[in-house]
């Protein structure tokens, strides 16, 4: 099975915020640009035959709908961004330095803001892959968030373990994993 992981387009008005799972707006032109990037990176025949899944957030669903059209993508909580608990909606510069440092020391186990750890996201990701493999052995496109993509890459041979959690994941980027 081949999984194309696609990051949502850039949201509007979130500079300096830890937005995590918050619903944040995305400009229609950004969705169009991200869709064009996806169409350029994933072969048309693959898109036509792929099952398309999305995080339920509007910033992902808008792009997933554009990619899947005229089909409707399947929404799944398994692809939702990591929960940052009490940090969501806070400015990054207002979060105590010792908390950020604690997260940096334990990137897999620390639960930012009391939310989810990367290990918890990895468990969610692996459960979803297992479930999808039972119904599909072909091509899958998953429109999701940087946190989920980082965990998926880290869990694959491509991510270098914990270092994979620091991988830069640009908005609208496409990452392909071959899942045996």
N, C-alpha and C. Protein backbone atom coordinates (compact mmCIF):
# COMPACT_ATOMS: atom_id res chain seq x y z
N UNK A 1 0.86 -1.18 0.00
CA UNK A 1 0.00 0.00 0.00
C UNK A 1 0.90 1.24 0.00
N UNK A 2 0.48 2.19 -0.77
CA UNK A 2 1.20 3.47 -0.84
C UNK A 2 0.31 4.54 -0.20
N UNK A 3 0.87 5.28 0.74
CA UNK A 3 0.14 6.37 1.38
C UNK A 3 0.83 7.69 1.06
N UNK A 4 0.06 8.58 0.45
CA UNK A 4 0.54 9.94 0.24
C UNK A 4 0.00 10.79 1.38
N UNK A 5 0.88 11.34 2.17
CA UNK A 5 0.50 12.24 3.27
C UNK A 5 0.62 13.67 2.76
N UNK A 6 -0.46 14.42 2.88
CA UNK A 6 -0.51 15.79 2.37
C UNK A 6 -0.81 16.72 3.53
N UNK A 7 0.02 17.75 3.70
CA UNK A 7 -0.26 18.74 4.75
C UNK A 7 -1.22 19.80 4.20
N UNK A 8 -2.11 20.23 5.04
CA UNK A 8 -3.09 21.26 4.71
C UNK A 8 -2.42 22.56 4.28
N UNK A 9 -3.18 23.47 3.62
CA UNK A 9 -2.64 24.79 3.27
C UNK A 9 -2.45 25.65 4.51
N UNK A 10 -1.71 26.76 4.38
CA UNK A 10 -1.46 27.61 5.56
C UNK A 10 -2.73 28.31 6.04
N UNK A 11 -2.98 28.26 7.35
CA UNK A 11 -4.13 28.98 7.89
C UNK A 11 -3.86 30.48 7.99
N UNK A 12 -4.93 31.22 8.16
CA UNK A 12 -4.86 32.68 8.25
C UNK A 12 -4.89 33.11 9.71
N UNK A 13 -4.08 34.10 10.07
CA UNK A 13 -4.16 34.74 11.38
C UNK A 13 -3.68 33.93 12.55
N UNK A 14 -2.71 33.05 12.33
CA UNK A 14 -2.23 32.21 13.43
C UNK A 14 -0.76 32.44 13.77
N UNK A 15 -0.17 33.48 13.21
CA UNK A 15 1.24 33.74 13.47
C UNK A 15 1.51 33.82 14.97
N UNK A 16 2.46 33.01 15.42
CA UNK A 16 2.86 33.02 16.82
C UNK A 16 1.95 32.22 17.74
N UNK A 17 0.89 31.60 17.19
CA UNK A 17 -0.05 30.84 18.03
C UNK A 17 0.22 29.35 17.97
N UNK A 18 -0.02 28.69 19.07
CA UNK A 18 -0.08 27.23 19.11
C UNK A 18 -1.54 26.90 18.81
N UNK A 19 -1.84 26.60 17.55
CA UNK A 19 -3.25 26.40 17.21
C UNK A 19 -3.68 24.95 17.23
N UNK A 20 -2.76 24.00 17.07
CA UNK A 20 -3.09 22.59 17.23
C UNK A 20 -4.39 22.19 16.57
N UNK A 21 -5.36 21.78 17.37
CA UNK A 21 -6.66 21.31 16.86
C UNK A 21 -7.70 22.42 16.71
N UNK A 22 -7.33 23.65 17.01
CA UNK A 22 -8.31 24.73 16.86
C UNK A 22 -8.76 24.83 15.41
N UNK A 23 -10.02 25.21 15.22
CA UNK A 23 -10.54 25.47 13.88
C UNK A 23 -10.02 26.84 13.47
N UNK A 24 -9.24 26.89 12.41
CA UNK A 24 -8.68 28.15 11.93
C UNK A 24 -8.97 28.27 10.43
N UNK A 25 -9.19 29.49 9.94
CA UNK A 25 -9.56 29.66 8.54
C UNK A 25 -8.39 29.48 7.58
N UNK A 26 -8.74 29.09 6.35
CA UNK A 26 -7.78 28.96 5.26
C UNK A 26 -8.36 29.69 4.07
N UNK A 27 -7.54 30.45 3.39
CA UNK A 27 -7.95 31.19 2.21
C UNK A 27 -8.20 30.22 1.05
N UNK A 28 -9.26 30.46 0.27
CA UNK A 28 -9.59 29.60 -0.88
C UNK A 28 -8.44 29.54 -1.88
N UNK A 29 -7.74 30.64 -2.06
CA UNK A 29 -6.60 30.64 -2.99
C UNK A 29 -5.49 29.73 -2.50
N UNK A 30 -5.32 29.64 -1.19
CA UNK A 30 -4.32 28.74 -0.62
C UNK A 30 -4.72 27.28 -0.86
N UNK A 31 -6.01 26.99 -0.77
CA UNK A 31 -6.49 25.64 -1.07
C UNK A 31 -6.22 25.32 -2.54
N UNK A 32 -6.53 26.26 -3.43
CA UNK A 32 -6.27 26.05 -4.86
C UNK A 32 -4.79 25.79 -5.12
N UNK A 33 -3.93 26.59 -4.51
CA UNK A 33 -2.48 26.43 -4.72
C UNK A 33 -2.00 25.08 -4.19
N UNK A 34 -2.48 24.69 -3.02
CA UNK A 34 -2.08 23.40 -2.45
C UNK A 34 -2.58 22.25 -3.32
N UNK A 35 -3.80 22.36 -3.84
CA UNK A 35 -4.34 21.32 -4.71
C UNK A 35 -3.50 21.20 -5.98
N UNK A 36 -3.12 22.31 -6.57
CA UNK A 36 -2.28 22.27 -7.77
C UNK A 36 -0.94 21.60 -7.48
N UNK A 37 -0.38 21.86 -6.30
CA UNK A 37 0.87 21.22 -5.90
C UNK A 37 0.68 19.71 -5.78
N UNK A 38 -0.43 19.29 -5.18
CA UNK A 38 -0.73 17.86 -5.05
C UNK A 38 -0.89 17.23 -6.43
N UNK A 39 -1.64 17.88 -7.32
CA UNK A 39 -1.85 17.35 -8.67
C UNK A 39 -0.53 17.23 -9.43
N UNK A 40 0.42 18.09 -9.14
CA UNK A 40 1.72 18.04 -9.80
C UNK A 40 2.61 16.94 -9.22
N UNK A 41 2.37 16.54 -7.98
CA UNK A 41 3.24 15.58 -7.29
C UNK A 41 2.70 14.15 -7.28
N UNK A 42 1.38 14.00 -7.42
CA UNK A 42 0.78 12.66 -7.41
C UNK A 42 0.17 12.42 -8.79
N UNK A 43 0.52 11.31 -9.43
CA UNK A 43 -0.02 11.06 -10.77
C UNK A 43 -1.56 11.05 -10.78
N UNK A 44 -2.13 11.61 -11.85
CA UNK A 44 -3.58 11.70 -11.97
C UNK A 44 -4.29 10.36 -11.82
N UNK A 45 -3.73 9.31 -12.41
CA UNK A 45 -4.34 7.98 -12.30
C UNK A 45 -4.35 7.52 -10.84
N UNK A 46 -3.31 7.86 -10.11
CA UNK A 46 -3.25 7.48 -8.69
C UNK A 46 -4.32 8.22 -7.90
N UNK A 47 -4.50 9.51 -8.19
CA UNK A 47 -5.53 10.29 -7.49
C UNK A 47 -6.92 9.72 -7.79
N UNK A 48 -7.16 9.38 -9.06
CA UNK A 48 -8.47 8.86 -9.45
C UNK A 48 -8.80 7.54 -8.78
N UNK A 49 -7.79 6.69 -8.54
CA UNK A 49 -8.05 5.38 -7.95
C UNK A 49 -7.89 5.36 -6.43
N UNK A 50 -7.32 6.40 -5.87
CA UNK A 50 -7.00 6.41 -4.43
C UNK A 50 -8.24 6.56 -3.57
N UNK A 51 -8.16 5.95 -2.40
CA UNK A 51 -9.10 6.28 -1.32
C UNK A 51 -8.54 7.54 -0.69
N UNK A 52 -9.41 8.51 -0.43
CA UNK A 52 -8.94 9.78 0.11
C UNK A 52 -9.55 9.99 1.49
N UNK A 53 -8.67 10.21 2.45
CA UNK A 53 -9.05 10.41 3.84
C UNK A 53 -8.60 11.80 4.27
N UNK A 54 -9.24 12.32 5.31
CA UNK A 54 -8.89 13.64 5.80
C UNK A 54 -9.13 13.75 7.29
N UNK A 55 -8.30 14.57 7.91
CA UNK A 55 -8.60 15.06 9.25
C UNK A 55 -9.93 15.79 9.16
N UNK A 56 -10.72 15.78 10.22
CA UNK A 56 -12.00 16.51 10.18
C UNK A 56 -11.87 18.03 10.17
N UNK A 57 -10.67 18.57 10.42
CA UNK A 57 -10.53 20.03 10.46
C UNK A 57 -10.82 20.62 9.08
N UNK A 58 -11.42 21.79 9.07
CA UNK A 58 -11.81 22.42 7.80
C UNK A 58 -10.60 22.73 6.94
N UNK A 59 -9.45 23.00 7.54
CA UNK A 59 -8.26 23.31 6.73
C UNK A 59 -7.78 22.09 5.96
N UNK A 60 -8.09 20.90 6.45
CA UNK A 60 -7.76 19.67 5.73
C UNK A 60 -8.89 19.26 4.79
N UNK A 61 -10.13 19.31 5.29
CA UNK A 61 -11.26 18.87 4.47
C UNK A 61 -11.42 19.70 3.20
N UNK A 62 -11.15 20.98 3.26
CA UNK A 62 -11.26 21.81 2.06
C UNK A 62 -10.33 21.32 0.97
N UNK A 63 -9.10 21.02 1.34
CA UNK A 63 -8.13 20.51 0.37
C UNK A 63 -8.49 19.09 -0.06
N UNK A 64 -8.89 18.25 0.87
CA UNK A 64 -9.25 16.86 0.54
C UNK A 64 -10.43 16.83 -0.45
N UNK A 65 -11.40 17.70 -0.24
CA UNK A 65 -12.54 17.75 -1.17
C UNK A 65 -12.11 18.17 -2.56
N UNK A 66 -11.19 19.12 -2.63
CA UNK A 66 -10.69 19.57 -3.93
C UNK A 66 -9.96 18.43 -4.64
N UNK A 67 -9.16 17.67 -3.90
CA UNK A 67 -8.41 16.56 -4.48
C UNK A 67 -9.35 15.43 -4.90
N UNK A 68 -10.34 15.13 -4.07
CA UNK A 68 -11.22 13.99 -4.30
C UNK A 68 -12.33 14.24 -5.32
N UNK A 69 -12.64 15.48 -5.59
CA UNK A 69 -13.80 15.84 -6.41
C UNK A 69 -13.89 14.97 -7.67
N UNK A 70 -15.07 14.43 -7.95
CA UNK A 70 -16.39 14.70 -7.37
C UNK A 70 -16.73 13.78 -6.19
N UNK A 71 -15.79 12.94 -5.79
CA UNK A 71 -16.04 12.06 -4.63
C UNK A 71 -15.96 12.87 -3.34
N UNK A 72 -16.39 12.26 -2.25
CA UNK A 72 -16.29 12.88 -0.93
C UNK A 72 -15.22 12.12 -0.14
N UNK A 73 -14.22 12.83 0.41
CA UNK A 73 -13.21 12.13 1.21
C UNK A 73 -13.81 11.62 2.52
N UNK A 74 -13.20 10.60 3.07
CA UNK A 74 -13.62 10.06 4.36
C UNK A 74 -12.94 10.86 5.47
N UNK A 75 -13.72 11.38 6.39
CA UNK A 75 -13.19 12.12 7.53
C UNK A 75 -12.89 11.15 8.67
N UNK A 76 -11.71 11.31 9.27
CA UNK A 76 -11.35 10.44 10.39
C UNK A 76 -10.55 11.19 11.44
N UNK A 77 -10.95 11.00 12.69
CA UNK A 77 -10.24 11.59 13.82
C UNK A 77 -8.81 11.09 13.92
N UNK A 78 -8.53 9.93 13.34
CA UNK A 78 -7.18 9.37 13.40
C UNK A 78 -6.16 10.30 12.75
N UNK A 79 -6.61 11.15 11.82
CA UNK A 79 -5.70 12.07 11.13
C UNK A 79 -5.73 13.48 11.71
N UNK A 80 -6.45 13.67 12.83
CA UNK A 80 -6.50 14.99 13.48
C UNK A 80 -5.12 15.36 14.01
N UNK A 81 -4.88 16.66 14.12
CA UNK A 81 -3.60 17.13 14.66
C UNK A 81 -3.47 16.70 16.11
N UNK A 82 -2.24 16.63 16.55
CA UNK A 82 -1.93 16.36 17.94
C UNK A 82 -2.63 17.39 18.82
N UNK A 83 -3.20 16.94 19.91
CA UNK A 83 -3.84 17.86 20.85
C UNK A 83 -2.76 18.49 21.73
N UNK A 84 -2.79 19.81 21.78
CA UNK A 84 -1.85 20.54 22.63
C UNK A 84 -2.49 20.97 23.95
N UNK A 85 -3.65 20.39 24.26
CA UNK A 85 -4.29 20.66 25.55
C UNK A 85 -4.44 22.14 25.84
N UNK A 86 -3.96 22.56 27.02
CA UNK A 86 -4.08 23.95 27.46
C UNK A 86 -3.26 24.93 26.62
N UNK A 87 -2.33 24.42 25.84
CA UNK A 87 -1.51 25.30 25.01
C UNK A 87 -2.27 25.81 23.79
N UNK A 88 -3.29 25.08 23.35
CA UNK A 88 -4.01 25.47 22.14
C UNK A 88 -4.61 26.86 22.29
N UNK A 89 -4.29 27.69 21.31
CA UNK A 89 -4.78 29.07 21.33
C UNK A 89 -3.85 30.03 22.04
N UNK A 90 -2.84 29.49 22.73
CA UNK A 90 -1.88 30.35 23.43
C UNK A 90 -0.78 30.79 22.47
N UNK A 91 -0.20 31.92 22.76
CA UNK A 91 0.97 32.35 21.97
C UNK A 91 2.16 31.50 22.43
N UNK A 92 2.95 31.07 21.47
CA UNK A 92 4.12 30.25 21.81
C UNK A 92 5.02 30.98 22.81
N UNK A 93 5.17 32.30 22.66
CA UNK A 93 6.06 33.04 23.56
C UNK A 93 5.47 33.23 24.96
N UNK A 94 4.21 32.82 25.17
CA UNK A 94 3.62 32.91 26.50
C UNK A 94 3.70 31.58 27.26
N UNK A 95 4.15 30.54 26.59
CA UNK A 95 4.27 29.23 27.24
C UNK A 95 5.61 29.19 27.98
N UNK A 96 5.57 28.79 29.23
CA UNK A 96 6.76 28.80 30.09
C UNK A 96 7.91 28.03 29.43
N UNK A 97 9.07 28.64 29.44
CA UNK A 97 10.26 28.06 28.81
C UNK A 97 10.57 26.67 29.35
N UNK A 98 10.38 26.46 30.65
CA UNK A 98 10.68 25.15 31.23
C UNK A 98 9.76 24.05 30.67
N UNK A 99 8.53 24.44 30.28
CA UNK A 99 7.62 23.46 29.67
C UNK A 99 8.06 23.11 28.25
N UNK A 100 8.48 24.10 27.51
CA UNK A 100 8.99 23.87 26.16
C UNK A 100 10.26 23.00 26.24
N UNK A 101 11.13 23.31 27.20
CA UNK A 101 12.36 22.53 27.38
C UNK A 101 12.06 21.09 27.77
N UNK A 102 11.05 20.89 28.63
CA UNK A 102 10.66 19.53 29.03
C UNK A 102 10.19 18.74 27.82
N UNK A 103 9.45 19.40 26.94
CA UNK A 103 8.99 18.74 25.72
C UNK A 103 10.18 18.39 24.82
N UNK A 104 11.13 19.30 24.70
CA UNK A 104 12.31 19.07 23.87
C UNK A 104 13.14 17.88 24.40
N UNK A 105 13.16 17.70 25.73
CA UNK A 105 13.92 16.60 26.32
C UNK A 105 13.25 15.24 26.11
N UNK A 106 11.93 15.25 25.94
CA UNK A 106 11.18 13.99 25.80
C UNK A 106 10.12 14.15 24.71
N UNK A 107 10.58 14.22 23.47
CA UNK A 107 9.66 14.51 22.37
C UNK A 107 8.61 13.41 22.16
N UNK A 108 8.90 12.18 22.54
CA UNK A 108 7.91 11.11 22.37
C UNK A 108 6.94 11.01 23.54
N UNK A 109 7.40 11.28 24.74
CA UNK A 109 6.56 11.03 25.91
C UNK A 109 5.87 12.23 26.50
N UNK A 110 6.40 13.43 26.28
CA UNK A 110 5.83 14.63 26.90
C UNK A 110 4.48 14.97 26.29
N UNK A 111 3.56 15.41 27.12
CA UNK A 111 2.21 15.78 26.68
C UNK A 111 2.06 17.29 26.78
N UNK A 112 2.35 18.03 25.69
CA UNK A 112 2.27 19.49 25.74
C UNK A 112 0.90 19.97 26.18
N UNK A 113 0.89 20.83 27.18
CA UNK A 113 -0.37 21.37 27.68
C UNK A 113 -1.30 20.33 28.26
N UNK A 114 -0.78 19.14 28.56
CA UNK A 114 -1.62 18.05 29.07
C UNK A 114 -2.39 17.34 27.96
N UNK A 115 -2.07 17.65 26.71
CA UNK A 115 -2.74 17.03 25.56
C UNK A 115 -2.13 15.67 25.23
N UNK A 116 -1.82 15.47 23.97
CA UNK A 116 -1.29 14.19 23.51
C UNK A 116 0.22 14.22 23.38
N UNK A 117 0.84 13.10 23.64
CA UNK A 117 2.26 12.94 23.36
C UNK A 117 2.41 12.45 21.93
N UNK A 118 3.62 12.56 21.40
CA UNK A 118 3.88 12.01 20.06
C UNK A 118 3.64 10.50 20.04
N UNK A 119 3.95 9.83 21.15
CA UNK A 119 3.70 8.39 21.23
C UNK A 119 2.21 8.08 21.12
N UNK A 120 1.37 8.92 21.70
CA UNK A 120 -0.08 8.73 21.60
C UNK A 120 -0.55 8.95 20.16
N UNK A 121 0.01 9.95 19.49
CA UNK A 121 -0.33 10.19 18.08
C UNK A 121 0.14 9.01 17.24
N UNK A 122 1.32 8.47 17.55
CA UNK A 122 1.85 7.31 16.82
C UNK A 122 0.93 6.11 16.96
N UNK A 123 0.41 5.89 18.15
CA UNK A 123 -0.52 4.78 18.37
C UNK A 123 -1.77 4.97 17.51
N UNK A 124 -2.29 6.18 17.49
CA UNK A 124 -3.47 6.52 16.67
C UNK A 124 -3.17 6.29 15.19
N UNK A 125 -2.01 6.76 14.73
CA UNK A 125 -1.58 6.61 13.35
C UNK A 125 -1.47 5.12 12.97
N UNK A 126 -0.79 4.35 13.80
CA UNK A 126 -0.58 2.94 13.50
C UNK A 126 -1.89 2.16 13.49
N UNK A 127 -2.81 2.49 14.37
CA UNK A 127 -4.13 1.85 14.37
C UNK A 127 -4.86 2.16 13.07
N UNK A 128 -4.79 3.43 12.64
CA UNK A 128 -5.45 3.82 11.39
C UNK A 128 -4.84 3.08 10.20
N UNK A 129 -3.52 3.01 10.10
CA UNK A 129 -2.86 2.30 9.01
C UNK A 129 -3.31 0.84 9.00
N UNK A 130 -3.34 0.21 10.17
CA UNK A 130 -3.79 -1.18 10.27
C UNK A 130 -5.21 -1.33 9.74
N UNK A 131 -6.10 -0.44 10.14
CA UNK A 131 -7.50 -0.50 9.70
C UNK A 131 -7.62 -0.28 8.19
N UNK A 132 -6.88 0.69 7.67
CA UNK A 132 -6.95 0.99 6.23
C UNK A 132 -6.39 -0.18 5.42
N UNK A 133 -5.32 -0.80 5.89
CA UNK A 133 -4.73 -1.94 5.17
C UNK A 133 -5.71 -3.10 5.04
N UNK A 134 -6.63 -3.23 5.99
CA UNK A 134 -7.61 -4.32 5.91
C UNK A 134 -8.60 -4.10 4.77
N UNK A 135 -8.84 -2.86 4.38
CA UNK A 135 -9.82 -2.59 3.32
C UNK A 135 -9.20 -2.13 2.01
N UNK A 136 -7.92 -1.80 2.01
CA UNK A 136 -7.31 -1.28 0.80
C UNK A 136 -5.83 -1.62 0.76
N UNK A 137 -5.41 -2.16 -0.36
CA UNK A 137 -3.98 -2.46 -0.51
C UNK A 137 -3.37 -1.59 -1.60
N UNK A 138 -4.12 -0.64 -2.11
CA UNK A 138 -3.66 0.21 -3.19
C UNK A 138 -3.11 1.54 -2.72
N UNK A 139 -3.61 2.61 -3.33
CA UNK A 139 -3.12 3.95 -3.05
C UNK A 139 -4.10 4.68 -2.14
N UNK A 140 -3.54 5.35 -1.15
CA UNK A 140 -4.32 6.12 -0.18
C UNK A 140 -3.72 7.52 -0.12
N UNK A 141 -4.59 8.52 -0.08
CA UNK A 141 -4.16 9.90 0.13
C UNK A 141 -4.77 10.34 1.45
N UNK A 142 -3.94 10.86 2.34
CA UNK A 142 -4.39 11.32 3.65
C UNK A 142 -4.02 12.79 3.81
N UNK A 143 -5.02 13.66 3.89
CA UNK A 143 -4.78 15.09 4.10
C UNK A 143 -4.83 15.31 5.61
N UNK A 144 -3.72 15.79 6.13
CA UNK A 144 -3.57 15.83 7.58
C UNK A 144 -2.68 17.00 8.01
N UNK A 145 -2.04 16.86 9.15
CA UNK A 145 -1.30 17.94 9.81
C UNK A 145 0.17 17.57 9.97
N UNK A 146 0.99 18.57 10.25
CA UNK A 146 2.43 18.36 10.40
C UNK A 146 2.75 17.34 11.50
N UNK A 147 2.04 17.41 12.63
CA UNK A 147 2.32 16.48 13.73
C UNK A 147 2.12 15.03 13.33
N UNK A 148 1.03 14.75 12.64
CA UNK A 148 0.75 13.38 12.20
C UNK A 148 1.79 12.94 11.17
N UNK A 149 2.11 13.83 10.24
CA UNK A 149 3.10 13.49 9.21
C UNK A 149 4.46 13.23 9.85
N UNK A 150 4.87 14.05 10.79
CA UNK A 150 6.16 13.85 11.47
C UNK A 150 6.21 12.48 12.15
N UNK A 151 5.14 12.14 12.85
CA UNK A 151 5.08 10.85 13.54
C UNK A 151 5.13 9.71 12.53
N UNK A 152 4.38 9.83 11.44
CA UNK A 152 4.38 8.77 10.41
C UNK A 152 5.78 8.59 9.82
N UNK A 153 6.45 9.70 9.52
CA UNK A 153 7.81 9.62 8.98
C UNK A 153 8.78 9.05 10.01
N UNK A 154 8.62 9.45 11.26
CA UNK A 154 9.51 8.95 12.31
C UNK A 154 9.33 7.45 12.52
N UNK A 155 8.10 6.99 12.41
CA UNK A 155 7.82 5.55 12.58
C UNK A 155 8.26 4.74 11.36
N UNK A 156 8.38 5.38 10.23
CA UNK A 156 8.89 4.69 9.04
C UNK A 156 10.41 4.76 9.07
N UNK A 157 11.04 4.07 8.20
CA UNK A 157 12.51 4.09 8.13
C UNK A 157 13.02 5.46 7.70
N UNK A 158 12.15 6.31 7.14
CA UNK A 158 12.58 7.60 6.60
C UNK A 158 12.79 8.67 7.67
N UNK A 159 12.28 8.46 8.88
CA UNK A 159 12.24 9.55 9.83
C UNK A 159 13.34 9.63 10.86
N UNK A 160 14.25 8.66 10.93
CA UNK A 160 15.33 8.70 11.93
C UNK A 160 14.81 8.79 13.36
N UNK A 161 13.76 8.06 13.68
CA UNK A 161 13.26 8.03 15.05
C UNK A 161 12.85 9.38 15.58
N UNK A 162 13.30 9.73 16.77
CA UNK A 162 12.92 10.99 17.41
C UNK A 162 13.32 12.21 16.58
N UNK A 163 14.42 12.12 15.87
CA UNK A 163 14.84 13.25 15.03
C UNK A 163 13.79 13.55 13.96
N UNK A 164 13.04 12.52 13.55
CA UNK A 164 11.98 12.72 12.57
C UNK A 164 10.89 13.64 13.05
N UNK A 165 10.75 13.77 14.36
CA UNK A 165 9.72 14.65 14.92
C UNK A 165 10.07 16.12 14.72
N UNK A 166 11.30 16.39 14.33
CA UNK A 166 11.73 17.77 14.08
C UNK A 166 11.76 18.11 12.60
N UNK A 167 11.37 17.16 11.75
CA UNK A 167 11.39 17.38 10.30
C UNK A 167 10.48 18.54 9.93
N UNK A 168 10.97 19.41 9.05
CA UNK A 168 10.16 20.53 8.56
C UNK A 168 9.13 19.98 7.57
N UNK A 169 7.87 20.26 7.78
CA UNK A 169 6.78 19.79 6.92
C UNK A 169 6.08 21.03 6.36
N UNK A 170 6.43 21.45 5.15
CA UNK A 170 5.81 22.66 4.58
C UNK A 170 4.31 22.49 4.33
N UNK A 171 3.59 23.60 4.38
CA UNK A 171 2.17 23.59 4.04
C UNK A 171 2.01 23.10 2.60
N UNK A 172 1.03 22.23 2.36
CA UNK A 172 0.76 21.72 1.03
C UNK A 172 1.74 20.68 0.54
N UNK A 173 2.68 20.26 1.39
CA UNK A 173 3.68 19.29 0.95
C UNK A 173 3.09 17.88 0.86
N UNK A 174 3.75 17.04 0.07
CA UNK A 174 3.33 15.66 -0.15
C UNK A 174 4.48 14.74 0.24
N UNK A 175 4.17 13.70 1.02
CA UNK A 175 5.16 12.75 1.51
C UNK A 175 4.63 11.34 1.23
N UNK A 176 5.38 10.53 0.52
CA UNK A 176 4.91 9.20 0.14
C UNK A 176 5.57 8.12 1.00
N UNK A 177 4.75 7.22 1.54
CA UNK A 177 5.23 6.09 2.31
C UNK A 177 4.75 4.81 1.66
N UNK A 178 5.64 3.84 1.52
CA UNK A 178 5.25 2.50 1.08
C UNK A 178 5.09 1.66 2.33
N UNK A 179 3.88 1.20 2.57
CA UNK A 179 3.57 0.42 3.75
C UNK A 179 3.42 -1.04 3.31
N UNK A 180 4.32 -1.90 3.80
CA UNK A 180 4.29 -3.31 3.40
C UNK A 180 3.18 -4.08 4.02
